[in-house]
PDB file of N, CA and C in Angstrom:
ATOM      1  N   MET A   1       0.841  -1.171   0.000  1.00  0.00           N
ATOM      2  CA  MET A   1       0.000   0.000   0.000  1.00  0.00           C
ATOM      3  C   MET A   1       0.895   1.247   0.000  1.00  0.00           C
ATOM      4  N   ARG A   2       0.541   2.208  -0.808  1.00  0.00           N
ATOM      5  CA  ARG A   2       1.292   3.461  -0.850  1.00  0.00           C
ATOM      6  C   ARG A   2       1.121   4.226   0.455  1.00  0.00           C
ATOM      7  N   GLU A   3       2.127   5.021   0.792  1.00  0.00           N
ATOM      8  CA  GLU A   3       2.074   5.810   2.030  1.00  0.00           C
ATOM      9  C   GLU A   3       0.843   6.713   2.066  1.00  0.00           C
ATOM     10  N   GLU A   4       0.522   7.337   0.945  1.00  0.00           N
ATOM     11  CA  GLU A   4      -0.623   8.247   0.883  1.00  0.00           C
ATOM     12  C   GLU A   4      -1.926   7.519   1.170  1.00  0.00           C
ATOM     13  N   ASP A   5      -2.037   6.302   0.654  1.00  0.00           N
ATOM     14  CA  ASP A   5      -3.252   5.526   0.875  1.00  0.00           C
ATOM     15  C   ASP A   5      -3.384   5.115   2.338  1.00  0.00           C
ATOM     16  N   LEU A   6      -2.270   4.727   2.943  1.00  0.00           N
ATOM     17  CA  LEU A   6      -2.300   4.356   4.357  1.00  0.00           C
ATOM     18  C   LEU A   6      -2.615   5.574   5.216  1.00  0.00           C
ATOM     19  N   ASP A   7      -2.044   6.721   4.874  1.00  0.00           N
ATOM     20  CA  ASP A   7      -2.332   7.954   5.629  1.00  0.00           C
ATOM     21  C   ASP A   7      -3.826   8.267   5.577  1.00  0.00           C
ATOM     22  N   TRP A   8      -4.407   8.170   4.392  1.00  0.00           N
ATOM     23  CA  TRP A   8      -5.833   8.446   4.221  1.00  0.00           C
ATOM     24  C   TRP A   8      -6.667   7.437   5.012  1.00  0.00           C
ATOM     25  N   LEU A   9      -6.275   6.175   4.961  1.00  0.00           N
ATOM     26  CA  LEU A   9      -6.997   5.136   5.686  1.00  0.00           C
ATOM     27  C   LEU A   9      -6.928   5.382   7.188  1.00  0.00           C
ATOM     28  N   CYS A  10      -5.758   5.724   7.695  1.00  0.00           N
ATOM     29  CA  CYS A  10      -5.615   6.020   9.124  1.00  0.00           C
ATOM     30  C   CYS A  10      -6.439   7.242   9.509  1.00  0.00           C
ATOM     31  N   TYR A  11      -6.372   8.289   8.699  1.00  0.00           N
ATOM     32  CA  TYR A  11      -7.120   9.515   8.989  1.00  0.00           C
ATOM     33  C   TYR A  11      -8.626   9.248   9.008  1.00  0.00           C
ATOM     34  N   THR A  12      -9.131   8.573   7.995  1.00  0.00           N
ATOM     35  CA  THR A  12     -10.572   8.323   7.939  1.00  0.00           C
ATOM     36  C   THR A  12     -11.021   7.361   9.031  1.00  0.00           C
ATOM     37  N   THR A  13     -10.181   6.394   9.378  1.00  0.00           N
ATOM     38  CA  THR A  13     -10.521   5.474  10.463  1.00  0.00           C
ATOM     39  C   THR A  13     -10.628   6.230  11.780  1.00  0.00           C
ATOM     40  N   LEU A  14      -9.683   7.126  12.038  1.00  0.00           N
ATOM     41  CA  LEU A  14      -9.748   7.938  13.251  1.00  0.00           C
ATOM     42  C   LEU A  14     -10.969   8.860  13.234  1.00  0.00           C
ATOM     43  N   SER A  15     -11.239   9.468  12.097  1.00  0.00           N
ATOM     44  CA  SER A  15     -12.337  10.434  12.030  1.00  0.00           C
ATOM     45  C   SER A  15     -13.705   9.773  12.171  1.00  0.00           C
ATOM     46  N   ARG A  16     -13.822   8.528  11.783  1.00  0.00           N
ATOM     47  CA  ARG A  16     -15.099   7.825  11.905  1.00  0.00           C
ATOM     48  C   ARG A  16     -15.274   7.171  13.272  1.00  0.00           C
ATOM     49  N   GLY A  17     -14.185   7.126  14.036  1.00  0.00           N
ATOM     50  CA  GLY A  17     -14.239   6.532  15.376  1.00  0.00           C
ATOM     51  C   GLY A  17     -14.271   7.616  16.424  1.00  0.00           C
ATOM     52  N   THR A  18     -13.478   7.419  17.459  1.00  0.00           N
ATOM     53  CA  THR A  18     -13.459   8.368  18.577  1.00  0.00           C
ATOM     54  C   THR A  18     -12.573   9.575  18.308  1.00  0.00           C
ATOM     55  N   GLY A  19     -11.787   9.541  17.243  1.00  0.00           N
ATOM     56  CA  GLY A  19     -10.885  10.644  16.941  1.00  0.00           C
ATOM     57  C   GLY A  19      -9.500  10.456  17.496  1.00  0.00           C
ATOM     58  N   SER A  20      -9.315   9.413  18.308  1.00  0.00           N
ATOM     59  CA  SER A  20      -7.985   9.132  18.826  1.00  0.00           C
ATOM     60  C   SER A  20      -7.830   7.635  19.041  1.00  0.00           C
ATOM     61  N   ALA A  21      -6.578   7.183  19.004  1.00  0.00           N
ATOM     62  CA  ALA A  21      -6.270   5.762  19.204  1.00  0.00           C
ATOM     63  C   ALA A  21      -4.781   5.619  19.450  1.00  0.00           C
ATOM     64  N   THR A  22      -4.403   4.501  20.025  1.00  0.00           N
ATOM     65  CA  THR A  22      -2.995   4.175  20.135  1.00  0.00           C
ATOM     66  C   THR A  22      -2.554   3.559  18.812  1.00  0.00           C
ATOM     67  N   ILE A  23      -1.267   3.470  18.597  1.00  0.00           N
ATOM     68  CA  ILE A  23      -0.747   2.863  17.364  1.00  0.00           C
ATOM     69  C   ILE A  23      -1.240   1.417  17.215  1.00  0.00           C
ATOM     70  N   PRO A  24      -1.158   0.582  18.269  1.00  0.00           N
ATOM     71  CA  PRO A  24      -1.657  -0.788  18.111  1.00  0.00           C
ATOM     72  C   PRO A  24      -3.153  -0.857  17.789  1.00  0.00           C
ATOM     73  N   GLU A  25      -3.941   0.010  18.425  1.00  0.00           N
ATOM     74  CA  GLU A  25      -5.384   0.034  18.133  1.00  0.00           C
ATOM     75  C   GLU A  25      -5.634   0.429  16.682  1.00  0.00           C
ATOM     76  N   LEU A  26      -4.937   1.447  16.230  1.00  0.00           N
ATOM     77  CA  LEU A  26      -5.111   1.912  14.857  1.00  0.00           C
ATOM     78  C   LEU A  26      -4.627   0.875  13.860  1.00  0.00           C
ATOM     79  N   ALA A  27      -3.525   0.213  14.168  1.00  0.00           N
ATOM     80  CA  ALA A  27      -3.002  -0.829  13.274  1.00  0.00           C
ATOM     81  C   ALA A  27      -4.007  -1.963  13.117  1.00  0.00           C
ATOM     82  N   ARG A  28      -4.633  -2.376  14.213  1.00  0.00           N
ATOM     83  CA  ARG A  28      -5.656  -3.431  14.122  1.00  0.00           C
ATOM     84  C   ARG A  28      -6.852  -2.960  13.301  1.00  0.00           C
ATOM     85  N   ALA A  29      -7.247  -1.699  13.507  1.00  0.00           N
ATOM     86  CA  ALA A  29      -8.420  -1.172  12.814  1.00  0.00           C
ATOM     87  C   ALA A  29      -8.225  -1.068  11.304  1.00  0.00           C
ATOM     88  N   VAL A  30      -7.010  -0.734  10.877  1.00  0.00           N
ATOM     89  CA  VAL A  30      -6.770  -0.570   9.441  1.00  0.00           C
ATOM     90  C   VAL A  30      -6.177  -1.823   8.801  1.00  0.00           C
ATOM     91  N   GLY A  31      -5.755  -2.781   9.624  1.00  0.00           N
ATOM     92  CA  GLY A  31      -5.202  -4.025   9.099  1.00  0.00           C
ATOM     93  C   GLY A  31      -3.803  -3.889   8.536  1.00  0.00           C
ATOM     94  N   ALA A  32      -2.997  -3.043   9.173  1.00  0.00           N
ATOM     95  CA  ALA A  32      -1.609  -2.846   8.737  1.00  0.00           C
ATOM     96  C   ALA A  32      -0.690  -3.084   9.922  1.00  0.00           C
ATOM     97  N   ASP A  33       0.610  -3.238   9.635  1.00  0.00           N
ATOM     98  CA  ASP A  33       1.538  -3.477  10.728  1.00  0.00           C
ATOM     99  C   ASP A  33       1.801  -2.171  11.494  1.00  0.00           C
ATOM    100  N   GLU A  34       2.184  -2.321  12.750  1.00  0.00           N
ATOM    101  CA  GLU A  34       2.345  -1.172  13.641  1.00  0.00           C
ATOM    102  C   GLU A  34       3.422  -0.203  13.170  1.00  0.00           C
ATOM    103  N   GLU A  35       4.488  -0.717  12.594  1.00  0.00           N
ATOM    104  CA  GLU A  35       5.571   0.158  12.126  1.00  0.00           C
ATOM    105  C   GLU A  35       5.074   1.091  11.021  1.00  0.00           C
ATOM    106  N   ALA A  36       4.310   0.556  10.076  1.00  0.00           N
ATOM    107  CA  ALA A  36       3.777   1.377   8.984  1.00  0.00           C
ATOM    108  C   ALA A  36       2.768   2.388   9.514  1.00  0.00           C
ATOM    109  N   VAL A  37       1.947   1.975  10.470  1.00  0.00           N
ATOM    110  CA  VAL A  37       0.953   2.886  11.049  1.00  0.00           C
ATOM    111  C   VAL A  37       1.635   3.969  11.872  1.00  0.00           C
ATOM    112  N   ALA A  38       2.704   3.633  12.586  1.00  0.00           N
ATOM    113  CA  ALA A  38       3.450   4.640  13.343  1.00  0.00           C
ATOM    114  C   ALA A  38       4.046   5.686  12.401  1.00  0.00           C
ATOM    115  N   ALA A  39       4.561   5.241  11.255  1.00  0.00           N
ATOM    116  CA  ALA A  39       5.106   6.181  10.265  1.00  0.00           C
ATOM    117  C   ALA A  39       3.994   7.055   9.695  1.00  0.00           C
ATOM    118  N   SER A  40       2.840   6.462   9.449  1.00  0.00           N
ATOM    119  CA  SER A  40       1.699   7.221   8.943  1.00  0.00           C
ATOM    120  C   SER A  40       1.244   8.254   9.971  1.00  0.00           C
ATOM    121  N   ALA A  41       1.182   7.869  11.226  1.00  0.00           N
ATOM    122  CA  ALA A  41       0.784   8.793  12.285  1.00  0.00           C
ATOM    123  C   ALA A  41       1.770   9.957  12.380  1.00  0.00           C
ATOM    124  N   ALA A  42       3.048   9.665  12.229  1.00  0.00           N
ATOM    125  CA  ALA A  42       4.059  10.726  12.257  1.00  0.00           C
ATOM    126  C   ALA A  42       3.847  11.705  11.101  1.00  0.00           C
ATOM    127  N   ARG A  43       3.481  11.189   9.944  1.00  0.00           N
ATOM    128  CA  ARG A  43       3.204  12.082   8.812  1.00  0.00           C
ATOM    129  C   ARG A  43       1.960  12.930   9.074  1.00  0.00           C
ATOM    130  N   LEU A  44       0.914  12.344   9.663  1.00  0.00           N
ATOM    131  CA  LEU A  44      -0.292  13.110   9.988  1.00  0.00           C
ATOM    132  C   LEU A  44       0.032  14.227  10.979  1.00  0.00           C
ATOM    133  N   VAL A  45       0.898  13.946  11.932  1.00  0.00           N
ATOM    134  CA  VAL A  45       1.328  14.972  12.893  1.00  0.00           C
ATOM    135  C   VAL A  45       2.131  16.050  12.172  1.00  0.00           C
ATOM    136  N   HIS A  46       3.056  15.635  11.308  1.00  0.00           N
ATOM    137  CA  HIS A  46       3.886  16.591  10.574  1.00  0.00           C
ATOM    138  C   HIS A  46       3.036  17.512   9.694  1.00  0.00           C
ATOM    139  N   TYR A  47       2.001  16.960   9.084  1.00  0.00           N
ATOM    140  CA  TYR A  47       1.144  17.752   8.197  1.00  0.00           C
ATOM    141  C   TYR A  47       0.023  18.470   8.939  1.00  0.00           C
ATOM    142  N   LEU A  48       0.124  18.516  10.274  1.00  0.00           N
ATOM    143  CA  LEU A  48      -0.795  19.278  11.128  1.00  0.00           C
ATOM    144  C   LEU A  48      -2.243  18.803  11.022  1.00  0.00           C
ATOM    145  N   LEU A  49      -2.413  17.498  10.854  1.00  0.00           N
ATOM    146  CA  LEU A  49      -3.743  16.905  10.835  1.00  0.00           C
ATOM    147  C   LEU A  49      -4.044  16.180  12.143  1.00  0.00           C
ATOM    148  N   ALA A  50      -2.995  15.888  12.915  1.00  0.00           N
ATOM    149  CA  ALA A  50      -3.147  15.157  14.174  1.00  0.00           C
ATOM    150  C   ALA A  50      -2.073  15.620  15.146  1.00  0.00           C
ATOM    151  N   GLN A  51      -2.238  15.220  16.391  1.00  0.00           N
ATOM    152  CA  GLN A  51      -1.223  15.471  17.404  1.00  0.00           C
ATOM    153  C   GLN A  51      -1.046  14.203  18.213  1.00  0.00           C
ATOM    154  N   GLN A  52       0.112  14.064  18.811  1.00  0.00           N
ATOM    155  CA  GLN A  52       0.372  12.900  19.638  1.00  0.00           C
ATOM    156  C   GLN A  52       0.348  13.324  21.091  1.00  0.00           C
ATOM    157  N   ASN A  53      -0.533  12.708  21.853  1.00  0.00           N
ATOM    158  CA  ASN A  53      -0.652  12.960  23.288  1.00  0.00           C
ATOM    159  C   ASN A  53      -0.277  11.665  24.004  1.00  0.00           C
ATOM    160  N   GLY A  54       0.959  11.587  24.449  1.00  0.00           N
ATOM    161  CA  GLY A  54       1.423  10.355  25.079  1.00  0.00           C
ATOM    162  C   GLY A  54       1.416   9.214  24.080  1.00  0.00           C
ATOM    163  N   GLU A  55       0.656   8.189  24.367  1.00  0.00           N
ATOM    164  CA  GLU A  55       0.571   7.008  23.503  1.00  0.00           C
ATOM    165  C   GLU A  55      -0.477   7.165  22.404  1.00  0.00           C
ATOM    166  N   ARG A  56      -1.317   8.182  22.491  1.00  0.00           N
ATOM    167  CA  ARG A  56      -2.456   8.307  21.585  1.00  0.00           C
ATOM    168  C   ARG A  56      -2.202   9.306  20.451  1.00  0.00           C
ATOM    169  N   ILE A  57      -2.727   8.957  19.296  1.00  0.00           N
ATOM    170  CA  ILE A  57      -2.755   9.864  18.147  1.00  0.00           C
ATOM    171  C   ILE A  57      -4.169  10.436  18.106  1.00  0.00           C
ATOM    172  N   GLN A  58      -4.271  11.752  18.084  1.00  0.00           N
ATOM    173  CA  GLN A  58      -5.568  12.410  18.108  1.00  0.00           C
ATOM    174  C   GLN A  58      -5.673  13.380  16.946  1.00  0.00           C
ATOM    175  N   LEU A  59      -6.782  13.309  16.226  1.00  0.00           N
ATOM    176  CA  LEU A  59      -6.986  14.232  15.118  1.00  0.00           C
ATOM    177  C   LEU A  59      -7.193  15.642  15.642  1.00  0.00           C
ATOM    178  N   LEU A  60      -6.710  16.617  14.892  1.00  0.00           N
ATOM    179  CA  LEU A  60      -6.964  18.020  15.197  1.00  0.00           C
ATOM    180  C   LEU A  60      -8.257  18.434  14.514  1.00  0.00           C
ATOM    181  N   SER A  61      -8.990  19.343  15.139  1.00  0.00           N
ATOM    182  CA  SER A  61     -10.163  19.913  14.474  1.00  0.00           C
ATOM    183  C   SER A  61      -9.671  20.806  13.335  1.00  0.00           C
ATOM    184  N   ALA A  62     -10.570  21.198  12.465  1.00  0.00           N
ATOM    185  CA  ALA A  62     -10.188  22.077  11.355  1.00  0.00           C
ATOM    186  C   ALA A  62      -9.607  23.388  11.889  1.00  0.00           C
ATOM    187  N   GLN A  63     -10.212  23.924  12.934  1.00  0.00           N
ATOM    188  CA  GLN A  63      -9.738  25.178  13.507  1.00  0.00           C
ATOM    189  C   GLN A  63      -8.338  25.005  14.117  1.00  0.00           C
ATOM    190  N   GLU A  64      -8.123  23.906  14.840  1.00  0.00           N
ATOM    191  CA  GLU A  64      -6.809  23.656  15.435  1.00  0.00           C
ATOM    192  C   GLU A  64      -5.745  23.486  14.356  1.00  0.00           C
ATOM    193  N   SER A  65      -6.108  22.785  13.295  1.00  0.00           N
ATOM    194  CA  SER A  65      -5.173  22.559  12.197  1.00  0.00           C
ATOM    195  C   SER A  65      -4.798  23.873  11.517  1.00  0.00           C
ATOM    196  N   LEU A  66      -5.774  24.719  11.260  1.00  0.00           N
ATOM    197  CA  LEU A  66      -5.491  26.017  10.642  1.00  0.00           C
ATOM    198  C   LEU A  66      -4.644  26.899  11.542  1.00  0.00           C
ATOM    199  N   LEU A  67      -4.951  26.919  12.830  1.00  0.00           N
ATOM    200  CA  LEU A  67      -4.171  27.724  13.759  1.00  0.00           C
ATOM    201  C   LEU A  67      -2.747  27.199  13.869  1.00  0.00           C
ATOM    202  N   ALA A  68      -2.586  25.886  13.928  1.00  0.00           N
ATOM    203  CA  ALA A  68      -1.244  25.295  13.988  1.00  0.00           C
ATOM    204  C   ALA A  68      -0.441  25.653  12.743  1.00  0.00           C
ATOM    205  N   CYS A  69      -1.098  25.672  11.595  1.00  0.00           N
ATOM    206  CA  CYS A  69      -0.436  26.047  10.346  1.00  0.00           C
ATOM    207  C   CYS A  69      -0.005  27.512  10.397  1.00  0.00           C
ATOM    208  N   GLN A  70      -0.883  28.386  10.864  1.00  0.00           N
ATOM    209  CA  GLN A  70      -0.527  29.801  10.970  1.00  0.00           C
ATOM    210  C   GLN A  70       0.634  29.998  11.929  1.00  0.00           C
ATOM    211  N   ILE A  71       0.614  29.300  13.051  1.00  0.00           N
ATOM    212  CA  ILE A  71       1.686  29.432  14.032  1.00  0.00           C
ATOM    213  C   ILE A  71       3.006  28.943  13.449  1.00  0.00           C
ATOM    214  N   ARG A  72       2.966  27.812  12.741  1.00  0.00           N
ATOM    215  CA  ARG A  72       4.211  27.248  12.198  1.00  0.00           C
ATOM    216  C   ARG A  72       4.825  28.143  11.131  1.00  0.00           C
ATOM    217  N   TYR A  73       4.001  28.708  10.255  1.00  0.00           N
ATOM    218  CA  TYR A  73       4.544  29.405   9.093  1.00  0.00           C
ATOM    219  C   TYR A  73       4.547  30.920   9.201  1.00  0.00           C
ATOM    220  N   SER A  74       4.026  31.460  10.272  1.00  0.00           N
ATOM    221  CA  SER A  74       4.079  32.902  10.483  1.00  0.00           C
ATOM    222  C   SER A  74       5.209  33.192  11.463  1.00  0.00           C
ATOM    223  N   GLY A  75       6.189  33.893  11.013  1.00  0.00           N
ATOM    224  CA  GLY A  75       7.339  34.163  11.862  1.00  0.00           C
ATOM    225  C   GLY A  75       7.073  35.156  12.977  1.00  0.00           C
ATOM    226  N   ASP A  76       6.015  35.943  12.851  1.00  0.00           N
ATOM    227  CA  ASP A  76       5.794  36.997  13.828  1.00  0.00           C
ATOM    228  C   ASP A  76       4.571  36.772  14.716  1.00  0.00           C
ATOM    229  N   LEU A  77       3.933  35.624  14.621  1.00  0.00           N
ATOM    230  CA  LEU A  77       2.765  35.348  15.459  1.00  0.00           C
ATOM    231  C   LEU A  77       3.239  34.929  16.848  1.00  0.00           C
ATOM    232  N   PRO A  78       2.874  35.663  17.895  1.00  0.00           N
ATOM    233  CA  PRO A  78       3.426  35.394  19.229  1.00  0.00           C
ATOM    234  C   PRO A  78       2.655  34.330  20.017  1.00  0.00           C
ATOM    235  N   LEU A  79       2.202  33.276  19.328  1.00  0.00           N
ATOM    236  CA  LEU A  79       1.406  32.240  19.969  1.00  0.00           C
ATOM    237  C   LEU A  79       2.062  30.878  19.844  1.00  0.00           C
ATOM    238  N   VAL A  80       1.699  29.992  20.783  1.00  0.00           N
ATOM    239  CA  VAL A  80       2.147  28.603  20.778  1.00  0.00           C
ATOM    240  C   VAL A  80       0.909  27.750  21.022  1.00  0.00           C
ATOM    241  N   LEU A  81       0.807  26.617  20.326  1.00  0.00           N
ATOM    242  CA  LEU A  81      -0.290  25.675  20.520  1.00  0.00           C
ATOM    243  C   LEU A  81       0.276  24.431  21.190  1.00  0.00           C
ATOM    244  N   GLU A  82      -0.159  24.158  22.419  1.00  0.00           N
ATOM    245  CA  GLU A  82       0.321  23.004  23.182  1.00  0.00           C
ATOM    246  C   GLU A  82      -0.863  22.192  23.668  1.00  0.00           C
ATOM    247  N   ASN A  83      -0.981  20.963  23.172  1.00  0.00           N
ATOM    248  CA  ASN A  83      -2.045  20.060  23.617  1.00  0.00           C
ATOM    249  C   ASN A  83      -3.421  20.718  23.532  1.00  0.00           C
ATOM    250  N   GLY A  84      -3.671  21.433  22.450  1.00  0.00           N
ATOM    251  CA  GLY A  84      -4.958  22.065  22.235  1.00  0.00           C
ATOM    252  C   GLY A  84      -5.151  23.388  22.948  1.00  0.00           C
ATOM    253  N   VAL A  85      -4.121  23.872  23.640  1.00  0.00           N
ATOM    254  CA  VAL A  85      -4.207  25.133  24.367  1.00  0.00           C
ATOM    255  C   VAL A  85      -3.344  26.167  23.661  1.00  0.00           C
ATOM    256  N   VAL A  86      -3.929  27.313  23.376  1.00  0.00           N
ATOM    257  CA  VAL A  86      -3.197  28.416  22.756  1.00  0.00           C
ATOM    258  C   VAL A  86      -2.688  29.314  23.869  1.00  0.00           C
ATOM    259  N   ARG A  87      -1.393  29.632  23.824  1.00  0.00           N
ATOM    260  CA  ARG A  87      -0.829  30.532  24.816  1.00  0.00           C
ATOM    261  C   ARG A  87       0.166  31.460  24.144  1.00  0.00           C
ATOM    262  N   VAL A  88       0.473  32.546  24.804  1.00  0.00           N
ATOM    263  CA  VAL A  88       1.453  33.509  24.312  1.00  0.00           C
ATOM    264  C   VAL A  88       2.843  32.915  24.492  1.00  0.00           C
ATOM    265  N   LYS A  89       3.698  33.113  23.488  1.00  0.00           N
ATOM    266  CA  LYS A  89       5.068  32.609  23.561  1.00  0.00           C
ATOM    267  C   LYS A  89       5.792  33.198  24.761  1.00  0.00           C
ATOM    268  N   GLY A  90       6.533  32.331  25.423  1.00  0.00           N
ATOM    269  CA  GLY A  90       7.376  32.766  26.529  1.00  0.00           C
ATOM    270  C   GLY A  90       8.793  33.000  26.024  1.00  0.00           C
ATOM    271  N   PRO A  91       9.678  33.480  26.884  1.00  0.00           N
ATOM    272  CA  PRO A  91      11.058  33.751  26.455  1.00  0.00           C
ATOM    273  C   PRO A  91      11.840  32.499  26.059  1.00  0.00           C
ATOM    274  N   ASP A  92      11.422  31.323  26.535  1.00  0.00           N
ATOM    275  CA  ASP A  92      12.135  30.079  26.211  1.00  0.00           C
ATOM    276  C   ASP A  92      11.560  29.349  25.007  1.00  0.00           C
ATOM    277  N   ASP A  93      10.476  29.836  24.425  1.00  0.00           N
ATOM    278  CA  ASP A  93       9.858  29.184  23.267  1.00  0.00           C
ATOM    279  C   ASP A  93      10.604  29.543  21.987  1.00  0.00           C
ATOM    280  N   PRO A  94      10.696  28.580  21.056  1.00  0.00           N
ATOM    281  CA  PRO A  94      11.391  28.875  19.770  1.00  0.00           C
ATOM    282  C   PRO A  94      10.619  29.834  18.910  1.00  0.00           C
TER     283      PRO A  94
END
């Protein structure tokens, strides 16, 4: 299976379920091995479609995804998004 197809399958499986799952749970649900699903989850996180909270992969809402994109690509936006909470950047934040 192509990476794009697995990413789509993982995303749609999460979106039709509770919106979050562990890698083993997601791997069982999509019928793929855990290593491939872990790589897919990492891509979903990288593309700002999901976030990882401990052991769980959780989809971002459309608003969270858009805000995360603005924060990542706007050099002058003084905000940070942490675990679904928006806060003002502190002196130690990148």
